[in-house]
């Protein structure tokens, strides 16, 4: 049986990382950073949207900015020809 992560990648999901800046509830002039990472679908990012909706509803720190990076991990292999020979005994 394939892992959950591999099954998601085969379904088109890619590793998504969000750097979330939010204001501290007790000190609103101070920004705190939170890194969220999960497999998600580009470009709609439904998993990230669910997480951010939860944040807005349930957590006290108001969001300031969200920066998103996404990578489709299943892609053709990158091969490079090398001039040389390797022997394994």
PDB file of N, CA and C in Angstrom:
ATOM      1  N   UNK A   1       0.842  -1.185   0.000  1.00  0.00           N
ATOM      2  CA  UNK A   1       0.000   0.000   0.000  1.00  0.00           C
ATOM      3  C   UNK A   1       0.887   1.248   0.000  1.00  0.00           C
ATOM      4  N   UNK A   2       0.543   2.198  -0.837  1.00  0.00           N
ATOM      5  CA  UNK A   2       1.317   3.440  -0.951  1.00  0.00           C
ATOM      6  C   UNK A   2       1.035   4.356   0.234  1.00  0.00           C
ATOM      7  N   UNK A   3       2.011   5.180   0.561  1.00  0.00           N
ATOM      8  CA  UNK A   3       1.826   6.133   1.656  1.00  0.00           C
ATOM      9  C   UNK A   3       0.808   7.199   1.252  1.00  0.00           C
ATOM     10  N   UNK A   4       0.241   7.855   2.249  1.00  0.00           N
ATOM     11  CA  UNK A   4      -0.735   8.922   2.014  1.00  0.00           C
ATOM     12  C   UNK A   4      -0.106  10.041   1.175  1.00  0.00           C
ATOM     13  N   UNK A   5       1.136  10.414   1.505  1.00  0.00           N
ATOM     14  CA  UNK A   5       1.804  11.494   0.779  1.00  0.00           C
ATOM     15  C   UNK A   5       2.012  11.146  -0.690  1.00  0.00           C
ATOM     16  N   UNK A   6       2.429   9.911  -0.965  1.00  0.00           N
ATOM     17  CA  UNK A   6       2.627   9.497  -2.350  1.00  0.00           C
ATOM     18  C   UNK A   6       1.302   9.488  -3.106  1.00  0.00           C
ATOM     19  N   UNK A   7       0.239   9.002  -2.465  1.00  0.00           N
ATOM     20  CA  UNK A   7      -1.084   8.986  -3.099  1.00  0.00           C
ATOM     21  C   UNK A   7      -1.541  10.407  -3.434  1.00  0.00           C
ATOM     22  N   UNK A   8      -1.287  11.360  -2.541  1.00  0.00           N
ATOM     23  CA  UNK A   8      -1.652  12.754  -2.814  1.00  0.00           C
ATOM     24  C   UNK A   8      -0.856  13.313  -3.993  1.00  0.00           C
ATOM     25  N   UNK A   9       0.432  12.985  -4.050  1.00  0.00           N
ATOM     26  CA  UNK A   9       1.250  13.458  -5.170  1.00  0.00           C
ATOM     27  C   UNK A   9       0.751  12.899  -6.487  1.00  0.00           C
ATOM     28  N   UNK A  10       0.357  11.643  -6.491  1.00  0.00           N
ATOM     29  CA  UNK A  10      -0.175  11.037  -7.705  1.00  0.00           C
ATOM     30  C   UNK A  10      -1.504  11.664  -8.115  1.00  0.00           C
ATOM     31  N   UNK A  11      -2.228  12.229  -7.159  1.00  0.00           N
ATOM     32  CA  UNK A  11      -3.498  12.899  -7.444  1.00  0.00           C
ATOM     33  C   UNK A  11      -3.304  14.358  -7.852  1.00  0.00           C
ATOM     34  N   UNK A  12      -2.042  14.802  -7.965  1.00  0.00           N
ATOM     35  CA  UNK A  12      -1.786  16.164  -8.420  1.00  0.00           C
ATOM     36  C   UNK A  12      -1.406  17.140  -7.324  1.00  0.00           C
ATOM     37  N   UNK A  13      -1.371  16.688  -6.083  1.00  0.00           N
ATOM     38  CA  UNK A  13      -0.997  17.576  -4.984  1.00  0.00           C
ATOM     39  C   UNK A  13       0.513  17.785  -4.994  1.00  0.00           C
ATOM     40  N   UNK A  14       0.949  18.941  -4.511  1.00  0.00           N
ATOM     41  CA  UNK A  14       2.367  19.232  -4.383  1.00  0.00           C
ATOM     42  C   UNK A  14       2.644  19.785  -2.998  1.00  0.00           C
ATOM     43  N   UNK A  15       3.887  19.705  -2.574  1.00  0.00           N
ATOM     44  CA  UNK A  15       4.256  20.206  -1.265  1.00  0.00           C
ATOM     45  C   UNK A  15       4.119  21.724  -1.249  1.00  0.00           C
ATOM     46  N   UNK A  16       3.351  22.213  -0.303  1.00  0.00           N
ATOM     47  CA  UNK A  16       3.077  23.639  -0.188  1.00  0.00           C
ATOM     48  C   UNK A  16       3.574  24.125   1.166  1.00  0.00           C
ATOM     49  N   UNK A  17       4.311  25.211   1.160  1.00  0.00           N
ATOM     50  CA  UNK A  17       4.809  25.821   2.391  1.00  0.00           C
ATOM     51  C   UNK A  17       4.295  27.249   2.441  1.00  0.00           C
ATOM     52  N   UNK A  18       3.713  27.608   3.584  1.00  0.00           N
ATOM     53  CA  UNK A  18       3.215  28.972   3.772  1.00  0.00           C
ATOM     54  C   UNK A  18       3.921  29.586   4.972  1.00  0.00           C
ATOM     55  N   UNK A  19       4.502  30.756   4.766  1.00  0.00           N
ATOM     56  CA  UNK A  19       5.062  31.528   5.865  1.00  0.00           C
ATOM     57  C   UNK A  19       4.005  32.541   6.269  1.00  0.00           C
ATOM     58  N   UNK A  20       3.468  32.375   7.461  1.00  0.00           N
ATOM     59  CA  UNK A  20       2.353  33.206   7.924  1.00  0.00           C
ATOM     60  C   UNK A  20       2.882  34.202   8.947  1.00  0.00           C
ATOM     61  N   UNK A  21       2.715  35.479   8.652  1.00  0.00           N
ATOM     62  CA  UNK A  21       3.045  36.531   9.612  1.00  0.00           C
ATOM     63  C   UNK A  21       1.755  36.989  10.270  1.00  0.00           C
ATOM     64  N   UNK A  22       1.772  37.031  11.593  1.00  0.00           N
ATOM     65  CA  UNK A  22       0.584  37.470  12.321  1.00  0.00           C
ATOM     66  C   UNK A  22       0.994  38.372  13.473  1.00  0.00           C
ATOM     67  N   UNK A  23       0.050  39.143  13.942  1.00  0.00           N
ATOM     68  CA  UNK A  23       0.309  40.073  15.047  1.00  0.00           C
ATOM     69  C   UNK A  23       0.073  39.368  16.373  1.00  0.00           C
ATOM     70  N   UNK A  24       0.960  39.613  17.321  1.00  0.00           N
ATOM     71  CA  UNK A  24       0.814  39.043  18.655  1.00  0.00           C
ATOM     72  C   UNK A  24      -0.449  39.636  19.304  1.00  0.00           C
ATOM     73  N   UNK A  25      -1.304  38.803  19.890  1.00  0.00           N
ATOM     74  CA  UNK A  25      -2.547  39.322  20.482  1.00  0.00           C
ATOM     75  C   UNK A  25      -2.311  40.366  21.580  1.00  0.00           C
ATOM     76  N   UNK A  26      -1.307  40.143  22.420  1.00  0.00           N
ATOM     77  CA  UNK A  26      -1.052  41.085  23.532  1.00  0.00           C
ATOM     78  C   UNK A  26      -0.184  42.272  23.122  1.00  0.00           C
ATOM     79  N   UNK A  27       0.531  42.140  22.014  1.00  0.00           N
ATOM     80  CA  UNK A  27       1.430  43.194  21.529  1.00  0.00           C
ATOM     81  C   UNK A  27       1.243  43.330  20.016  1.00  0.00           C
ATOM     82  N   UNK A  28       0.183  44.019  19.577  1.00  0.00           N
ATOM     83  CA  UNK A  28      -0.155  44.047  18.144  1.00  0.00           C
ATOM     84  C   UNK A  28       0.891  44.690  17.234  1.00  0.00           C
ATOM     85  N   UNK A  29       1.864  45.396  17.788  1.00  0.00           N
ATOM     86  CA  UNK A  29       2.907  45.975  16.935  1.00  0.00           C
ATOM     87  C   UNK A  29       4.025  44.974  16.628  1.00  0.00           C
ATOM     88  N   UNK A  30       3.995  43.821  17.287  1.00  0.00           N
ATOM     89  CA  UNK A  30       5.018  42.801  17.074  1.00  0.00           C
ATOM     90  C   UNK A  30       4.474  41.721  16.144  1.00  0.00           C
ATOM     91  N   UNK A  31       5.257  41.384  15.098  1.00  0.00           N
ATOM     92  CA  UNK A  31       4.879  40.322  14.172  1.00  0.00           C
ATOM     93  C   UNK A  31       5.576  39.024  14.555  1.00  0.00           C
ATOM     94  N   UNK A  32       4.839  37.938  14.484  1.00  0.00           N
ATOM     95  CA  UNK A  32       5.362  36.594  14.750  1.00  0.00           C
ATOM     96  C   UNK A  32       5.230  35.788  13.462  1.00  0.00           C
ATOM     97  N   UNK A  33       6.119  34.835  13.253  1.00  0.00           N
ATOM     98  CA  UNK A  33       6.087  34.007  12.051  1.00  0.00           C
ATOM     99  C   UNK A  33       5.683  32.584  12.414  1.00  0.00           C
ATOM    100  N   UNK A  34       4.865  31.975  11.544  1.00  0.00           N
ATOM    101  CA  UNK A  34       4.456  30.582  11.687  1.00  0.00           C
ATOM    102  C   UNK A  34       4.612  29.926  10.317  1.00  0.00           C
ATOM    103  N   UNK A  35       5.261  28.755  10.269  1.00  0.00           N
ATOM    104  CA  UNK A  35       5.449  28.055   9.000  1.00  0.00           C
ATOM    105  C   UNK A  35       4.494  26.865   8.960  1.00  0.00           C
ATOM    106  N   UNK A  36       3.672  26.821   7.905  1.00  0.00           N
ATOM    107  CA  UNK A  36       2.698  25.739   7.687  1.00  0.00           C
ATOM    108  C   UNK A  36       3.142  24.977   6.450  1.00  0.00           C
ATOM    109  N   UNK A  37       3.104  23.628   6.511  1.00  0.00           N
ATOM    110  CA  UNK A  37       3.507  22.828   5.357  1.00  0.00           C
ATOM    111  C   UNK A  37       2.592  21.617   5.228  1.00  0.00           C
ATOM    112  N   UNK A  38       2.085  21.412   4.016  1.00  0.00           N
ATOM    113  CA  UNK A  38       1.154  20.307   3.751  1.00  0.00           C
ATOM    114  C   UNK A  38       1.103  20.100   2.236  1.00  0.00           C
ATOM    115  N   UNK A  39       0.608  18.961   1.810  1.00  0.00           N
ATOM    116  CA  UNK A  39       0.367  18.733   0.381  1.00  0.00           C
ATOM    117  C   UNK A  39      -0.935  19.421   0.006  1.00  0.00           C
ATOM    118  N   UNK A  40      -0.909  20.191  -1.082  1.00  0.00           N
ATOM    119  CA  UNK A  40      -2.068  20.985  -1.477  1.00  0.00           C
ATOM    120  C   UNK A  40      -2.102  21.104  -2.998  1.00  0.00           C
ATOM    121  N   UNK A  41      -3.241  21.538  -3.509  1.00  0.00           N
ATOM    122  CA  UNK A  41      -3.436  21.699  -4.952  1.00  0.00           C
ATOM    123  C   UNK A  41      -3.212  23.141  -5.375  1.00  0.00           C
ATOM    124  N   UNK A  42      -2.367  23.319  -6.365  1.00  0.00           N
ATOM    125  CA  UNK A  42      -2.135  24.635  -6.964  1.00  0.00           C
ATOM    126  C   UNK A  42      -3.159  24.835  -8.066  1.00  0.00           C
ATOM    127  N   UNK A  43      -3.764  25.953  -8.312  1.00  0.00           N
ATOM    128  CA  UNK A  43      -3.547  27.259  -7.718  1.00  0.00           C
ATOM    129  C   UNK A  43      -4.548  27.610  -6.621  1.00  0.00           C
ATOM    130  N   UNK A  44      -5.559  26.768  -6.373  1.00  0.00           N
ATOM    131  CA  UNK A  44      -6.600  27.133  -5.400  1.00  0.00           C
ATOM    132  C   UNK A  44      -6.211  26.979  -3.948  1.00  0.00           C
ATOM    133  N   UNK A  45      -5.291  26.069  -3.648  1.00  0.00           N
ATOM    134  CA  UNK A  45      -4.819  25.793  -2.302  1.00  0.00           C
ATOM    135  C   UNK A  45      -5.960  25.581  -1.295  1.00  0.00           C
ATOM    136  N   UNK A  46      -6.808  24.563  -1.527  1.00  0.00           N
ATOM    137  CA  UNK A  46      -7.946  24.353  -0.618  1.00  0.00           C
ATOM    138  C   UNK A  46      -7.535  24.008   0.815  1.00  0.00           C
ATOM    139  N   UNK A  47      -6.453  23.257   1.005  1.00  0.00           N
ATOM    140  CA  UNK A  47      -6.014  22.903   2.362  1.00  0.00           C
ATOM    141  C   UNK A  47      -5.514  24.136   3.110  1.00  0.00           C
ATOM    142  N   UNK A  48      -4.748  24.973   2.445  1.00  0.00           N
ATOM    143  CA  UNK A  48      -4.260  26.206   3.068  1.00  0.00           C
ATOM    144  C   UNK A  48      -5.424  27.130   3.395  1.00  0.00           C
ATOM    145  N   UNK A  49      -6.380  27.231   2.481  1.00  0.00           N
ATOM    146  CA  UNK A  49      -7.553  28.084   2.745  1.00  0.00           C
ATOM    147  C   UNK A  49      -8.337  27.594   3.965  1.00  0.00           C
ATOM    148  N   UNK A  50      -8.494  26.260   4.090  1.00  0.00           N
ATOM    149  CA  UNK A  50      -9.179  25.715   5.273  1.00  0.00           C
ATOM    150  C   UNK A  50      -8.417  26.085   6.551  1.00  0.00           C
ATOM    151  N   UNK A  51      -7.082  25.960   6.490  1.00  0.00           N
ATOM    152  CA  UNK A  51      -6.284  26.295   7.666  1.00  0.00           C
ATOM    153  C   UNK A  51      -6.402  27.776   8.005  1.00  0.00           C
ATOM    154  N   UNK A  52      -6.324  28.651   6.995  1.00  0.00           N
ATOM    155  CA  UNK A  52      -6.424  30.089   7.258  1.00  0.00           C
ATOM    156  C   UNK A  52      -7.820  30.478   7.747  1.00  0.00           C
ATOM    157  N   UNK A  53      -8.865  29.831   7.227  1.00  0.00           N
ATOM    158  CA  UNK A  53     -10.221  30.080   7.734  1.00  0.00           C
ATOM    159  C   UNK A  53     -10.325  29.688   9.200  1.00  0.00           C
ATOM    160  N   UNK A  54      -9.732  28.535   9.555  1.00  0.00           N
ATOM    161  CA  UNK A  54      -9.697  28.114  10.951  1.00  0.00           C
ATOM    162  C   UNK A  54      -8.971  29.154  11.797  1.00  0.00           C
ATOM    163  N   UNK A  55      -7.833  29.624  11.294  1.00  0.00           N
ATOM    164  CA  UNK A  55      -7.037  30.620  12.030  1.00  0.00           C
ATOM    165  C   UNK A  55      -7.879  31.851  12.333  1.00  0.00           C
ATOM    166  N   UNK A  56      -8.550  32.370  11.317  1.00  0.00           N
ATOM    167  CA  UNK A  56      -9.334  33.600  11.487  1.00  0.00           C
ATOM    168  C   UNK A  56     -10.483  33.379  12.477  1.00  0.00           C
ATOM    169  N   UNK A  57     -11.125  32.191  12.411  1.00  0.00           N
ATOM    170  CA  UNK A  57     -12.259  31.904  13.309  1.00  0.00           C
ATOM    171  C   UNK A  57     -11.839  31.619  14.744  1.00  0.00           C
ATOM    172  N   UNK A  58     -10.736  30.867  14.937  1.00  0.00           N
ATOM    173  CA  UNK A  58     -10.433  30.306  16.250  1.00  0.00           C
ATOM    174  C   UNK A  58      -9.252  30.936  16.991  1.00  0.00           C
ATOM    175  N   UNK A  59      -8.313  31.549  16.290  1.00  0.00           N
ATOM    176  CA  UNK A  59      -7.109  32.055  16.947  1.00  0.00           C
ATOM    177  C   UNK A  59      -7.160  33.572  17.093  1.00  0.00           C
ATOM    178  N   UNK A  60      -6.463  34.066  18.102  1.00  0.00           N
ATOM    179  CA  UNK A  60      -6.528  35.489  18.419  1.00  0.00           C
ATOM    180  C   UNK A  60      -5.572  36.358  17.614  1.00  0.00           C
ATOM    181  N   UNK A  61      -4.470  35.808  17.126  1.00  0.00           N
ATOM    182  CA  UNK A  61      -3.483  36.616  16.411  1.00  0.00           C
ATOM    183  C   UNK A  61      -3.948  36.966  15.009  1.00  0.00           C
ATOM    184  N   UNK A  62      -4.254  38.242  14.739  1.00  0.00           N
ATOM    185  CA  UNK A  62      -4.705  38.621  13.394  1.00  0.00           C
ATOM    186  C   UNK A  62      -3.602  38.436  12.347  1.00  0.00           C
ATOM    187  N   UNK A  63      -3.990  37.946  11.176  1.00  0.00           N
ATOM    188  CA  UNK A  63      -3.051  37.725  10.084  1.00  0.00           C
ATOM    189  C   UNK A  63      -2.536  39.049   9.530  1.00  0.00           C
ATOM    190  N   UNK A  64      -1.255  39.071   9.206  1.00  0.00           N
ATOM    191  CA  UNK A  64      -0.651  40.244   8.576  1.00  0.00           C
ATOM    192  C   UNK A  64      -0.316  39.948   7.113  1.00  0.00           C
ATOM    193  N   UNK A  65       0.350  38.812   6.857  1.00  0.00           N
ATOM    194  CA  UNK A  65       0.747  38.448   5.491  1.00  0.00           C
ATOM    195  C   UNK A  65       0.959  36.944   5.415  1.00  0.00           C
ATOM    196  N   UNK A  66       0.712  36.392   4.221  1.00  0.00           N
ATOM    197  CA  UNK A  66       0.945  34.978   3.965  1.00  0.00           C
ATOM    198  C   UNK A  66       1.736  34.866   2.662  1.00  0.00           C
ATOM    199  N   UNK A  67       2.895  34.208   2.722  1.00  0.00           N
ATOM    200  CA  UNK A  67       3.718  33.964   1.547  1.00  0.00           C
ATOM    201  C   UNK A  67       3.700  32.469   1.274  1.00  0.00           C
ATOM    202  N   UNK A  68       3.385  32.086   0.023  1.00  0.00           N
ATOM    203  CA  UNK A  68       3.194  30.681  -0.323  1.00  0.00           C
ATOM    204  C   UNK A  68       4.240  30.234  -1.342  1.00  0.00           C
ATOM    205  N   UNK A  69       4.814  29.039  -1.101  1.00  0.00           N
ATOM    206  CA  UNK A  69       5.708  28.387  -2.057  1.00  0.00           C
ATOM    207  C   UNK A  69       5.130  27.004  -2.323  1.00  0.00           C
ATOM    208  N   UNK A  70       5.147  26.580  -3.594  1.00  0.00           N
ATOM    209  CA  UNK A  70       4.539  25.308  -3.971  1.00  0.00           C
ATOM    210  C   UNK A  70       5.474  24.568  -4.915  1.00  0.00           C
ATOM    211  N   UNK A  71       5.567  23.258  -4.734  1.00  0.00           N
ATOM    212  CA  UNK A  71       6.419  22.451  -5.604  1.00  0.00           C
ATOM    213  C   UNK A  71       5.713  21.152  -5.941  1.00  0.00           C
ATOM    214  N   UNK A  72       5.592  20.874  -7.241  1.00  0.00           N
ATOM    215  CA  UNK A  72       5.105  19.577  -7.668  1.00  0.00           C
ATOM    216  C   UNK A  72       6.267  18.596  -7.585  1.00  0.00           C
ATOM    217  N   UNK A  73       6.216  17.653  -6.664  1.00  0.00           N
ATOM    218  CA  UNK A  73       7.363  16.789  -6.419  1.00  0.00           C
ATOM    219  C   UNK A  73       7.478  15.661  -7.428  1.00  0.00           C
ATOM    220  N   UNK A  74       6.379  15.224  -8.019  1.00  0.00           N
ATOM    221  CA  UNK A  74       6.439  14.172  -9.026  1.00  0.00           C
ATOM    222  C   UNK A  74       6.688  14.853 -10.370  1.00  0.00           C
ATOM    223  N   UNK A  75       7.871  14.678 -10.899  1.00  0.00           N
ATOM    224  CA  UNK A  75       8.222  15.284 -12.178  1.00  0.00           C
ATOM    225  C   UNK A  75       9.293  14.422 -12.827  1.00  0.00           C
ATOM    226  N   UNK A  76       9.586  14.643 -14.085  1.00  0.00           N
ATOM    227  CA  UNK A  76      10.608  13.821 -14.731  1.00  0.00           C
ATOM    228  C   UNK A  76      11.946  13.922 -13.998  1.00  0.00           C
ATOM    229  N   UNK A  77      12.655  12.833 -13.981  1.00  0.00           N
ATOM    230  CA  UNK A  77      13.971  12.820 -13.335  1.00  0.00           C
ATOM    231  C   UNK A  77      14.934  13.729 -14.087  1.00  0.00           C
ATOM    232  N   UNK A  78      15.787  14.361 -13.358  1.00  0.00           N
ATOM    233  CA  UNK A  78      16.805  15.206 -13.971  1.00  0.00           C
ATOM    234  C   UNK A  78      18.075  14.376 -14.096  1.00  0.00           C
ATOM    235  N   UNK A  79      18.452  14.097 -15.319  1.00  0.00           N
ATOM    236  CA  UNK A  79      19.644  13.299 -15.573  1.00  0.00           C
ATOM    237  C   UNK A  79      20.722  14.176 -16.184  1.00  0.00           C
ATOM    238  N   UNK A  80      21.938  13.875 -15.818  1.00  0.00           N
ATOM    239  CA  UNK A  80      23.066  14.623 -16.333  1.00  0.00           C
ATOM    240  C   UNK A  80      24.138  13.614 -16.717  1.00  0.00           C
ATOM    241  N   UNK A  81      24.620  13.694 -17.934  1.00  0.00           N
ATOM    242  CA  UNK A  81      25.663  12.789 -18.378  1.00  0.00           C
ATOM    243  C   UNK A  81      27.010  13.239 -17.811  1.00  0.00           C
ATOM    244  N   UNK A  82      27.721  12.280 -17.263  1.00  0.00           N
ATOM    245  CA  UNK A  82      29.047  12.553 -16.725  1.00  0.00           C
ATOM    246  C   UNK A  82      30.055  11.728 -17.506  1.00  0.00           C
ATOM    247  N   UNK A  83      31.204  12.287 -17.687  1.00  0.00           N
ATOM    248  CA  UNK A  83      32.261  11.558 -18.365  1.00  0.00           C
ATOM    249  C   UNK A  83      33.117  10.894 -17.294  1.00  0.00           C
ATOM    250  N   UNK A  84      32.942   9.591 -17.129  1.00  0.00           N
ATOM    251  CA  UNK A  84      33.708   8.890 -16.122  1.00  0.00           C
ATOM    252  C   UNK A  84      33.190   7.490 -15.941  1.00  0.00           C
ATOM    253  N   UNK A  85      33.874   6.752 -15.111  1.00  0.00           N
ATOM    254  CA  UNK A  85      33.483   5.365 -14.863  1.00  0.00           C
ATOM    255  C   UNK A  85      33.617   5.113 -13.378  1.00  0.00           C
ATOM    256  N   UNK A  86      32.623   4.445 -12.828  1.00  0.00           N
ATOM    257  CA  UNK A  86      32.634   4.101 -11.413  1.00  0.00           C
ATOM    258  C   UNK A  86      32.593   2.600 -11.288  1.00  0.00           C
ATOM    259  N   UNK A  87      33.482   2.044 -10.509  1.00  0.00           N
ATOM    260  CA  UNK A  87      33.514   0.602 -10.285  1.00  0.00           C
ATOM    261  C   UNK A  87      33.082   0.316  -8.860  1.00  0.00           C
ATOM    262  N   UNK A  88      32.196  -0.661  -8.742  1.00  0.00           N
ATOM    263  CA  UNK A  88      31.747  -1.106  -7.434  1.00  0.00           C
ATOM    264  C   UNK A  88      32.214  -2.533  -7.267  1.00  0.00           C
ATOM    265  N   UNK A  89      32.927  -2.822  -6.225  1.00  0.00           N
ATOM    266  CA  UNK A  89      33.448  -4.166  -5.989  1.00  0.00           C
ATOM    267  C   UNK A  89      32.413  -5.026  -5.318  1.00  0.00           C
TER     268      UNK A  89
END
